[in-house]
């Protein structure tokens, strides 16, 4: 809406200020606050990686957002799954801890997705139920170098078992105990 200034309509600075503010109030940038994060939720089929990217985009646009507030909102915005259970059972110490743990779960999620795609492609082509093996992967999907583990293999296995990412193998009967 335009508020025209006509000859003689400005009788003081206060009147000029009021007309100026009325004209340009809608042009003023409106900043988001941390309350904006309340409305963000991880969608049913949204990957953890996609959710984190979407959440971070909004969180980064909030001026002066405290890391503790962002961490609290991000945890409550997650849908219930193994990552959320892991965070509830062992709350993150800080935002760096949360990001580090999320990275591990994103990697597992991506591996599962990759394995599922490869498995389904193999099933369609040869109707076998064998999961894809590393040597069967196309060379474009292999890497020359891999990032080394930053924790022990036993701990990774324990976390994967606790997060229901893998199932504990059944004990094999050895030939000595079979008889």
Protein backbone atom coordinates (compact mmCIF):
# COMPACT_ATOMS: atom_id res chain seq x y z
CA UNK A 1 0.00 0.00 0.00
CA UNK A 2 1.32 3.42 -0.92
CA UNK A 3 0.86 6.35 1.41
CA UNK A 4 1.15 9.44 -0.81
CA UNK A 5 2.78 12.52 0.55
CA UNK A 6 0.86 15.52 -0.70
CA UNK A 7 1.67 19.17 -0.38
CA UNK A 8 1.06 20.27 3.19
CA UNK A 9 0.49 16.71 4.55
CA UNK A 10 3.74 16.75 6.55
CA UNK A 11 3.44 19.13 9.47
CA UNK A 12 6.26 17.70 11.64
CA UNK A 13 9.10 15.24 11.72
CA UNK A 14 6.91 12.83 13.73
CA UNK A 15 4.35 12.77 10.88
CA UNK A 16 7.10 12.16 8.31
CA UNK A 17 8.52 9.35 10.46
CA UNK A 18 5.08 7.72 10.86
CA UNK A 19 4.41 7.80 7.10
CA UNK A 20 7.89 6.47 6.36
CA UNK A 21 7.53 3.58 8.82
CA UNK A 22 4.04 2.76 7.48
CA UNK A 23 5.37 2.67 3.92
CA UNK A 24 8.45 0.55 4.51
CA UNK A 25 7.49 -1.78 7.40
CA UNK A 26 6.73 -4.66 5.04
CA UNK A 27 10.19 -4.30 3.46
CA UNK A 28 11.91 -4.82 6.78
CA UNK A 29 13.66 -8.19 7.00
CA UNK A 30 12.04 -10.52 9.49
CA UNK A 31 14.50 -12.72 11.28
CA UNK A 32 13.71 -16.24 12.35
CA UNK A 33 14.03 -17.20 15.99
CA UNK A 34 14.76 -20.54 17.62
CA UNK A 35 10.98 -21.10 17.89
CA UNK A 36 11.06 -21.74 14.12
CA UNK A 37 12.83 -25.04 14.85
CA UNK A 38 9.78 -26.33 16.74
CA UNK A 39 7.97 -26.89 13.43
CA UNK A 40 10.73 -28.94 11.84
CA UNK A 41 10.25 -32.72 11.96
CA UNK A 42 11.99 -35.58 10.20
CA UNK A 43 9.55 -36.92 7.63
CA UNK A 44 8.58 -40.60 7.55
CA UNK A 45 10.70 -41.50 4.51
CA UNK A 46 13.30 -38.75 4.90
CA UNK A 47 16.85 -39.96 5.34
CA UNK A 48 18.85 -38.80 8.33
CA UNK A 49 21.28 -37.06 5.98
CA UNK A 50 18.49 -35.13 4.22
CA UNK A 51 16.90 -34.16 7.53
CA UNK A 52 20.19 -32.90 8.95
CA UNK A 53 20.82 -30.82 5.83
CA UNK A 54 17.31 -29.30 6.01
CA UNK A 55 17.56 -28.67 9.76
CA UNK A 56 21.01 -27.10 9.42
CA UNK A 57 19.82 -24.80 6.65
CA UNK A 58 17.13 -23.35 8.91
CA UNK A 59 19.33 -23.33 12.02
CA UNK A 60 22.10 -21.45 10.23
CA UNK A 61 19.64 -18.72 9.25
CA UNK A 62 18.78 -18.04 12.91
CA UNK A 63 21.01 -15.28 14.24
CA UNK A 64 22.52 -16.02 17.65
CA UNK A 65 21.18 -19.56 17.94
CA UNK A 66 22.82 -21.28 20.90
CA UNK A 67 24.26 -24.73 20.15
CA UNK A 68 22.46 -26.20 23.17
CA UNK A 69 19.10 -24.98 21.84
CA UNK A 70 19.82 -26.32 18.35
CA UNK A 71 20.86 -29.68 19.82
CA UNK A 72 17.70 -29.97 21.93
CA UNK A 73 15.41 -29.12 19.01
CA UNK A 74 17.23 -31.44 16.62
CA UNK A 75 16.89 -34.43 18.94
CA UNK A 76 13.17 -33.88 19.50
CA UNK A 77 12.64 -33.42 15.74
CA UNK A 78 13.98 -36.88 14.86
CA UNK A 79 11.57 -39.70 14.13
CA UNK A 80 11.89 -42.70 16.46
CA UNK A 81 14.58 -45.08 15.19
CA UNK A 82 17.88 -46.58 16.25
CA UNK A 83 19.70 -43.22 16.11
CA UNK A 84 17.11 -41.56 18.32
CA UNK A 85 17.25 -44.49 20.74
CA UNK A 86 21.02 -44.20 20.84
CA UNK A 87 20.77 -40.47 21.69
CA UNK A 88 18.20 -41.07 24.41
CA UNK A 89 20.20 -43.88 26.01
CA UNK A 90 23.43 -41.88 25.88
CA UNK A 91 22.70 -38.14 25.48
CA UNK A 92 25.29 -36.23 23.45
CA UNK A 93 27.75 -34.16 25.47
CA UNK A 94 27.67 -31.28 22.99
CA UNK A 95 26.87 -30.41 19.39
CA UNK A 96 30.18 -31.87 18.14
CA UNK A 97 29.34 -35.19 19.80
CA UNK A 98 25.87 -35.16 18.24
CA UNK A 99 27.30 -34.42 14.78
CA UNK A 100 29.95 -37.12 15.11
CA UNK A 101 27.38 -39.72 16.09
CA UNK A 102 24.97 -38.60 13.38
CA UNK A 103 27.75 -39.00 10.82
CA UNK A 104 28.21 -42.64 11.87
CA UNK A 105 24.49 -43.35 11.51
CA UNK A 106 24.36 -41.55 8.13
CA UNK A 107 27.20 -43.77 6.92
CA UNK A 108 25.34 -46.87 8.07
CA UNK A 109 22.13 -45.58 6.45
CA UNK A 110 23.95 -45.00 3.16
CA UNK A 111 25.56 -48.43 3.31
CA UNK A 112 22.17 -50.02 3.91
CA UNK A 113 20.69 -48.10 0.97
CA UNK A 114 23.60 -49.09 -1.26
CA UNK A 115 23.34 -52.72 -0.22
CA UNK A 116 19.56 -52.69 -0.73
CA UNK A 117 19.91 -51.24 -4.24
CA UNK A 118 22.68 -53.65 -5.16
CA UNK A 119 20.73 -56.56 -3.69
CA UNK A 120 17.57 -55.67 -5.58
CA UNK A 121 19.48 -55.26 -8.84
CA UNK A 122 21.12 -58.65 -8.35
CA UNK A 123 17.79 -60.25 -7.49
CA UNK A 124 16.18 -58.88 -10.63
CA UNK A 125 19.00 -60.03 -12.88
CA UNK A 126 19.68 -63.54 -11.62
CA UNK A 127 16.93 -64.21 -9.07
CA UNK A 128 19.46 -65.24 -6.41
CA UNK A 129 19.15 -64.25 -2.77
CA UNK A 130 22.86 -63.77 -2.19
CA UNK A 131 23.77 -60.26 -1.01
CA UNK A 132 26.21 -58.34 -3.19
CA UNK A 133 29.88 -58.96 -2.50
CA UNK A 134 32.63 -56.39 -2.69
CA UNK A 135 34.31 -58.11 -5.63
CA UNK A 136 30.98 -58.05 -7.51
CA UNK A 137 30.62 -54.27 -7.18
CA UNK A 138 31.28 -52.20 -10.28
CA UNK A 139 34.69 -50.57 -10.11
CA UNK A 140 33.04 -47.11 -10.18
CA UNK A 141 31.52 -47.89 -6.78
CA UNK A 142 34.81 -48.96 -5.21
CA UNK A 143 37.33 -46.62 -3.71
CA UNK A 144 41.11 -46.82 -3.77
CA UNK A 145 41.41 -45.62 -0.16
CA UNK A 146 39.08 -45.78 2.79
CA UNK A 147 38.95 -43.60 5.88
CA UNK A 148 40.52 -45.48 8.79
CA UNK A 149 38.35 -46.28 11.80
CA UNK A 150 38.66 -43.82 14.66
CA UNK A 151 37.49 -46.41 17.17
CA UNK A 152 38.02 -50.11 17.70
CA UNK A 153 36.21 -52.70 15.62
CA UNK A 154 34.76 -54.34 18.74
CA UNK A 155 33.13 -51.05 19.77
CA UNK A 156 31.71 -50.52 16.28
CA UNK A 157 30.28 -54.04 16.34
CA UNK A 158 28.78 -53.47 19.82
CA UNK A 159 27.17 -50.19 18.71
CA UNK A 160 25.80 -51.78 15.55
CA UNK A 161 24.32 -54.64 17.61
CA UNK A 162 22.83 -52.23 20.19
CA UNK A 163 21.34 -50.06 17.46
CA UNK A 164 19.76 -53.11 15.77
CA UNK A 165 21.74 -52.44 12.59
CA UNK A 166 22.94 -56.03 12.48
CA UNK A 167 21.79 -59.22 14.13
CA UNK A 168 23.97 -61.38 16.30
CA UNK A 169 25.00 -64.48 14.35
CA UNK A 170 23.87 -67.84 15.65
CA UNK A 171 26.54 -69.93 17.25
CA UNK A 172 27.85 -72.65 14.96
CA UNK A 173 28.10 -76.20 16.19
CA UNK A 174 31.69 -77.30 16.01
CA UNK A 175 32.51 -80.90 15.02
CA UNK A 176 33.83 -81.56 18.54
CA UNK A 177 30.53 -80.68 20.26
CA UNK A 178 28.32 -82.27 17.63
CA UNK A 179 29.09 -85.82 18.79
